[in-house]
Amino acid sequence: PNGLQVEGRPQVSRIVTGVTASQA
């Protein structure tokens, strides 16, 4: 599935990007 896979808080001010959603 592409898009929102896990929903968190309703407001966003900071995005972190990475290649893979690993534990690290």
PDB file of all heavy atoms in Angstrom:
ATOM      1  N   PRO A   1       0.837  -1.202   0.000  1.00  0.00           N
ATOM      2  CA  PRO A   1       0.000   0.000   0.000  1.00  0.00           C
ATOM      3  C   PRO A   1       0.874   1.255   0.000  1.00  0.00           C
ATOM      4  O   PRO A   1       1.838   1.349   0.763  1.00  0.00           O
ATOM      5  CB  PRO A   1      -0.793  -0.117   1.306  1.00  0.00           C
ATOM      6  CG  PRO A   1       0.055  -0.968   2.194  1.00  0.00           C
ATOM      7  CD  PRO A   1       0.775  -1.926   1.296  1.00  0.00           C
ATOM      8  N   ASN A   2       0.562   2.183  -0.881  1.00  0.00           N
ATOM      9  CA  ASN A   2       1.271   3.462  -0.911  1.00  0.00           C
ATOM     10  C   ASN A   2       0.463   4.519  -0.176  1.00  0.00           C
ATOM     11  O   ASN A   2      -0.762   4.530  -0.239  1.00  0.00           O
ATOM     12  CB  ASN A   2       1.510   3.904  -2.358  1.00  0.00           C
ATOM     13  CG  ASN A   2       2.575   3.083  -3.043  1.00  0.00           C
ATOM     14  OD1 ASN A   2       3.739   3.144  -2.692  1.00  0.00           O
ATOM     15  ND2 ASN A   2       2.167   2.281  -4.030  1.00  0.00           N
ATOM     16  N   GLY A   3       1.173   5.405   0.507  1.00  0.00           N
ATOM     17  CA  GLY A   3       0.507   6.474   1.247  1.00  0.00           C
ATOM     18  C   GLY A   3       0.644   6.278   2.741  1.00  0.00           C
ATOM     19  O   GLY A   3       1.672   5.803   3.237  1.00  0.00           O
ATOM     20  N   LEU A   4      -0.397   6.642   3.470  1.00  0.00           N
ATOM     21  CA  LEU A   4      -0.375   6.578   4.933  1.00  0.00           C
ATOM     22  C   LEU A   4      -0.521   5.123   5.384  1.00  0.00           C
ATOM     23  O   LEU A   4      -1.576   4.523   5.239  1.00  0.00           O
ATOM     24  CB  LEU A   4      -1.503   7.433   5.507  1.00  0.00           C
ATOM     25  CG  LEU A   4      -1.548   7.559   7.034  1.00  0.00           C
ATOM     26  CD1 LEU A   4      -0.290   8.234   7.573  1.00  0.00           C
ATOM     27  CD2 LEU A   4      -2.796   8.350   7.448  1.00  0.00           C
ATOM     28  N   GLN A   5       0.548   4.574   5.953  1.00  0.00           N
ATOM     29  CA  GLN A   5       0.529   3.190   6.423  1.00  0.00           C
ATOM     30  C   GLN A   5       0.266   3.087   7.926  1.00  0.00           C
ATOM     31  O   GLN A   5      -0.337   2.119   8.375  1.00  0.00           O
ATOM     32  CB  GLN A   5       1.855   2.505   6.080  1.00  0.00           C
ATOM     33  CG  GLN A   5       2.067   2.320   4.584  1.00  0.00           C
ATOM     34  CD  GLN A   5       3.291   1.471   4.276  1.00  0.00           C
ATOM     35  OE1 GLN A   5       4.208   1.353   5.087  1.00  0.00           O
ATOM     36  NE2 GLN A   5       3.308   0.879   3.094  1.00  0.00           N
ATOM     37  N   VAL A   6       0.728   4.060   8.682  1.00  0.00           N
ATOM     38  CA  VAL A   6       0.472   4.116  10.123  1.00  0.00           C
ATOM     39  C   VAL A   6       0.125   5.560  10.468  1.00  0.00           C
ATOM     40  O   VAL A   6       0.872   6.472  10.126  1.00  0.00           O
ATOM     41  CB  VAL A   6       1.696   3.664  10.950  1.00  0.00           C
ATOM     42  CG1 VAL A   6       1.399   3.770  12.449  1.00  0.00           C
ATOM     43  CG2 VAL A   6       2.105   2.241  10.584  1.00  0.00           C
ATOM     44  N   GLU A   7      -1.013   5.745  11.143  1.00  0.00           N
ATOM     45  CA  GLU A   7      -1.489   7.099  11.454  1.00  0.00           C
ATOM     46  C   GLU A   7      -1.010   7.540  12.836  1.00  0.00           C
ATOM     47  O   GLU A   7      -1.152   6.816  13.820  1.00  0.00           O
ATOM     48  CB  GLU A   7      -3.011   7.140  11.402  1.00  0.00           C
ATOM     49  CG  GLU A   7      -3.592   8.536  11.637  1.00  0.00           C
ATOM     50  CD  GLU A   7      -5.099   8.547  11.521  1.00  0.00           C
ATOM     51  OE1 GLU A   7      -5.700   7.469  11.302  1.00  0.00           O
ATOM     52  OE2 GLU A   7      -5.696   9.634  11.657  1.00  0.00           O
ATOM     53  N   GLY A   8      -0.441   8.741  12.875  1.00  0.00           N
ATOM     54  CA  GLY A   8       0.005   9.329  14.126  1.00  0.00           C
ATOM     55  C   GLY A   8      -0.763  10.592  14.451  1.00  0.00           C
ATOM     56  O   GLY A   8      -1.948  10.707  14.151  1.00  0.00           O
ATOM     57  N   ARG A   9      -0.060  11.575  15.018  1.00  0.00           N
ATOM     58  CA  ARG A   9      -0.722  12.806  15.445  1.00  0.00           C
ATOM     59  C   ARG A   9      -1.299  13.570  14.253  1.00  0.00           C
ATOM     60  O   ARG A   9      -0.776  13.477  13.134  1.00  0.00           O
ATOM     61  CB  ARG A   9       0.241  13.684  16.243  1.00  0.00           C
ATOM     62  CG  ARG A   9       1.488  14.106  15.527  1.00  0.00           C
ATOM     63  CD  ARG A   9       2.434  14.879  16.451  1.00  0.00           C
ATOM     64  NE  ARG A   9       2.991  14.041  17.500  1.00  0.00           N
ATOM     65  CZ  ARG A   9       4.203  13.482  17.453  1.00  0.00           C
ATOM     66  NH1 ARG A   9       4.986  13.691  16.401  1.00  0.00           N
ATOM     67  NH2 ARG A   9       4.635  12.739  18.439  1.00  0.00           N
ATOM     68  N   PRO A  10      -2.378  14.331  14.463  1.00  0.00           N
ATOM     69  CA  PRO A  10      -3.096  14.952  13.350  1.00  0.00           C
ATOM     70  C   PRO A  10      -2.408  16.170  12.742  1.00  0.00           C
ATOM     71  O   PRO A  10      -2.786  16.598  11.656  1.00  0.00           O
ATOM     72  CB  PRO A  10      -4.442  15.337  13.958  1.00  0.00           C
ATOM     73  CG  PRO A  10      -4.165  15.508  15.410  1.00  0.00           C
ATOM     74  CD  PRO A  10      -3.114  14.493  15.745  1.00  0.00           C
ATOM     75  N   GLN A  11      -1.422  16.743  13.429  1.00  0.00           N
ATOM     76  CA  GLN A  11      -0.731  17.919  12.909  1.00  0.00           C
ATOM     77  C   GLN A  11       0.738  17.588  12.629  1.00  0.00           C
ATOM     78  O   GLN A  11       1.360  16.821  13.371  1.00  0.00           O
ATOM     79  CB  GLN A  11      -0.811  19.081  13.904  1.00  0.00           C
ATOM     80  CG  GLN A  11      -2.218  19.617  14.120  1.00  0.00           C
ATOM     81  CD  GLN A  11      -2.750  20.315  12.879  1.00  0.00           C
ATOM     82  OE1 GLN A  11      -2.094  21.177  12.296  1.00  0.00           O
ATOM     83  NE2 GLN A  11      -3.962  19.948  12.469  1.00  0.00           N
ATOM     84  N   VAL A  12       1.274  18.172  11.575  1.00  0.00           N
ATOM     85  CA  VAL A  12       2.636  17.877  11.135  1.00  0.00           C
ATOM     86  C   VAL A  12       3.429  19.168  11.000  1.00  0.00           C
ATOM     87  O   VAL A  12       2.981  20.115  10.350  1.00  0.00           O
ATOM     88  CB  VAL A  12       2.635  17.157   9.765  1.00  0.00           C
ATOM     89  CG1 VAL A  12       4.058  16.918   9.279  1.00  0.00           C
ATOM     90  CG2 VAL A  12       1.849  15.866   9.843  1.00  0.00           C
ATOM     91  N   SER A  13       4.602  19.196  11.614  1.00  0.00           N
ATOM     92  CA  SER A  13       5.523  20.315  11.405  1.00  0.00           C
ATOM     93  C   SER A  13       6.920  19.844  11.023  1.00  0.00           C
ATOM     94  O   SER A  13       7.691  20.592  10.443  1.00  0.00           O
ATOM     95  CB  SER A  13       5.602  21.200  12.660  1.00  0.00           C
ATOM     96  OG  SER A  13       6.080  20.469  13.764  1.00  0.00           O
ATOM     97  N   ARG A  14       7.249  18.582  11.331  1.00  0.00           N
ATOM     98  CA  ARG A  14       8.588  18.073  11.035  1.00  0.00           C
ATOM     99  C   ARG A  14       8.500  16.699  10.378  1.00  0.00           C
ATOM    100  O   ARG A  14       7.885  15.776  10.912  1.00  0.00           O
ATOM    101  CB  ARG A  14       9.425  17.986  12.308  1.00  0.00           C
ATOM    102  CG  ARG A  14      10.857  17.480  12.087  1.00  0.00           C
ATOM    103  CD  ARG A  14      11.671  17.551  13.364  1.00  0.00           C
ATOM    104  NE  ARG A  14      11.778  18.936  13.817  1.00  0.00           N
ATOM    105  CZ  ARG A  14      12.220  19.292  15.017  1.00  0.00           C
ATOM    106  NH1 ARG A  14      12.555  18.360  15.903  1.00  0.00           N
ATOM    107  NH2 ARG A  14      12.301  20.563  15.355  1.00  0.00           N
ATOM    108  N   ILE A  15       9.156  16.576   9.218  1.00  0.00           N
ATOM    109  CA  ILE A  15       9.215  15.323   8.467  1.00  0.00           C
ATOM    110  C   ILE A  15      10.635  14.767   8.538  1.00  0.00           C
ATOM    111  O   ILE A  15      11.607  15.503   8.340  1.00  0.00           O
ATOM    112  CB  ILE A  15       8.856  15.532   6.977  1.00  0.00           C
ATOM    113  CG1 ILE A  15       7.467  16.148   6.820  1.00  0.00           C
ATOM    114  CG2 ILE A  15       8.934  14.213   6.210  1.00  0.00           C
ATOM    115  CD1 ILE A  15       7.177  16.557   5.387  1.00  0.00           C
ATOM    116  N   VAL A  16      10.740  13.482   8.788  1.00  0.00           N
ATOM    117  CA  VAL A  16      12.001  12.769   8.637  1.00  0.00           C
ATOM    118  C   VAL A  16      11.859  11.827   7.454  1.00  0.00           C
ATOM    119  O   VAL A  16      10.856  11.108   7.349  1.00  0.00           O
ATOM    120  CB  VAL A  16      12.371  11.986   9.910  1.00  0.00           C
ATOM    121  CG1 VAL A  16      13.379  10.878   9.607  1.00  0.00           C
ATOM    122  CG2 VAL A  16      12.953  12.915  10.961  1.00  0.00           C
ATOM    123  N   THR A  17      12.827  11.838   6.541  1.00  0.00           N
ATOM    124  CA  THR A  17      12.821  10.913   5.412  1.00  0.00           C
ATOM    125  C   THR A  17      13.979   9.942   5.534  1.00  0.00           C
ATOM    126  O   THR A  17      15.012  10.232   6.139  1.00  0.00           O
ATOM    127  CB  THR A  17      12.918  11.649   4.060  1.00  0.00           C
ATOM    128  OG1 THR A  17      14.099  12.459   4.032  1.00  0.00           O
ATOM    129  CG2 THR A  17      11.695  12.516   3.823  1.00  0.00           C
ATOM    130  N   GLY A  18      13.790   8.764   4.936  1.00  0.00           N
ATOM    131  CA  GLY A  18      14.818   7.735   4.886  1.00  0.00           C
ATOM    132  C   GLY A  18      14.436   6.713   3.846  1.00  0.00           C
ATOM    133  O   GLY A  18      13.293   6.688   3.369  1.00  0.00           O
ATOM    134  N   VAL A  19      15.359   5.854   3.478  1.00  0.00           N
ATOM    135  CA  VAL A  19      15.087   4.868   2.440  1.00  0.00           C
ATOM    136  C   VAL A  19      14.120   3.800   2.930  1.00  0.00           C
ATOM    137  O   VAL A  19      13.142   3.470   2.266  1.00  0.00           O
ATOM    138  CB  VAL A  19      16.395   4.223   1.936  1.00  0.00           C
ATOM    139  CG1 VAL A  19      16.103   3.140   0.904  1.00  0.00           C
ATOM    140  CG2 VAL A  19      17.315   5.288   1.335  1.00  0.00           C
ATOM    141  N   THR A  20      14.374   3.256   4.113  1.00  0.00           N
ATOM    142  CA  THR A  20      13.614   2.121   4.630  1.00  0.00           C
ATOM    143  C   THR A  20      13.169   2.396   6.066  1.00  0.00           C
ATOM    144  O   THR A  20      13.945   2.936   6.864  1.00  0.00           O
ATOM    145  CB  THR A  20      14.475   0.841   4.600  1.00  0.00           C
ATOM    146  OG1 THR A  20      14.846   0.563   3.246  1.00  0.00           O
ATOM    147  CG2 THR A  20      13.738  -0.355   5.177  1.00  0.00           C
ATOM    148  N   ALA A  21      11.954   1.984   6.388  1.00  0.00           N
ATOM    149  CA  ALA A  21      11.422   2.201   7.743  1.00  0.00           C
ATOM    150  C   ALA A  21      11.950   1.132   8.695  1.00  0.00           C
ATOM    151  O   ALA A  21      11.199   0.378   9.319  1.00  0.00           O
ATOM    152  CB  ALA A  21       9.901   2.203   7.712  1.00  0.00           C
ATOM    153  N   SER A  22      13.261   1.071   8.810  1.00  0.00           N
ATOM    154  CA  SER A  22      13.925   0.138   9.718  1.00  0.00           C
ATOM    155  C   SER A  22      13.800   0.640  11.149  1.00  0.00           C
ATOM    156  O   SER A  22      13.474   1.804  11.400  1.00  0.00           O
ATOM    157  CB  SER A  22      15.393   0.011   9.340  1.00  0.00           C
ATOM    158  OG  SER A  22      16.051   1.264   9.514  1.00  0.00           O
ATOM    159  N   GLN A  23      14.128  -0.232  12.098  1.00  0.00           N
ATOM    160  CA  GLN A  23      14.109   0.192  13.498  1.00  0.00           C
ATOM    161  C   GLN A  23      15.119   1.310  13.747  1.00  0.00           C
ATOM    162  O   GLN A  23      14.854   2.233  14.528  1.00  0.00           O
ATOM    163  CB  GLN A  23      14.408  -0.992  14.410  1.00  0.00           C
ATOM    164  CG  GLN A  23      14.192  -0.688  15.890  1.00  0.00           C
ATOM    165  CD  GLN A  23      12.738  -0.409  16.233  1.00  0.00           C
ATOM    166  OE1 GLN A  23      11.858  -1.190  15.873  1.00  0.00           O
ATOM    167  NE2 GLN A  23      12.467   0.699  16.912  1.00  0.00           N
ATOM    168  N   ALA A  24      16.255   1.255  13.067  1.00  0.00           N
ATOM    169  CA  ALA A  24      17.259   2.303  13.227  1.00  0.00           C
ATOM    170  C   ALA A  24      16.716   3.665  12.797  1.00  0.00           C
ATOM    171  O   ALA A  24      16.946   4.677  13.473  1.00  0.00           O
ATOM    172  CB  ALA A  24      18.518   1.965  12.429  1.00  0.00           C
TER     173      ALA A  24
END
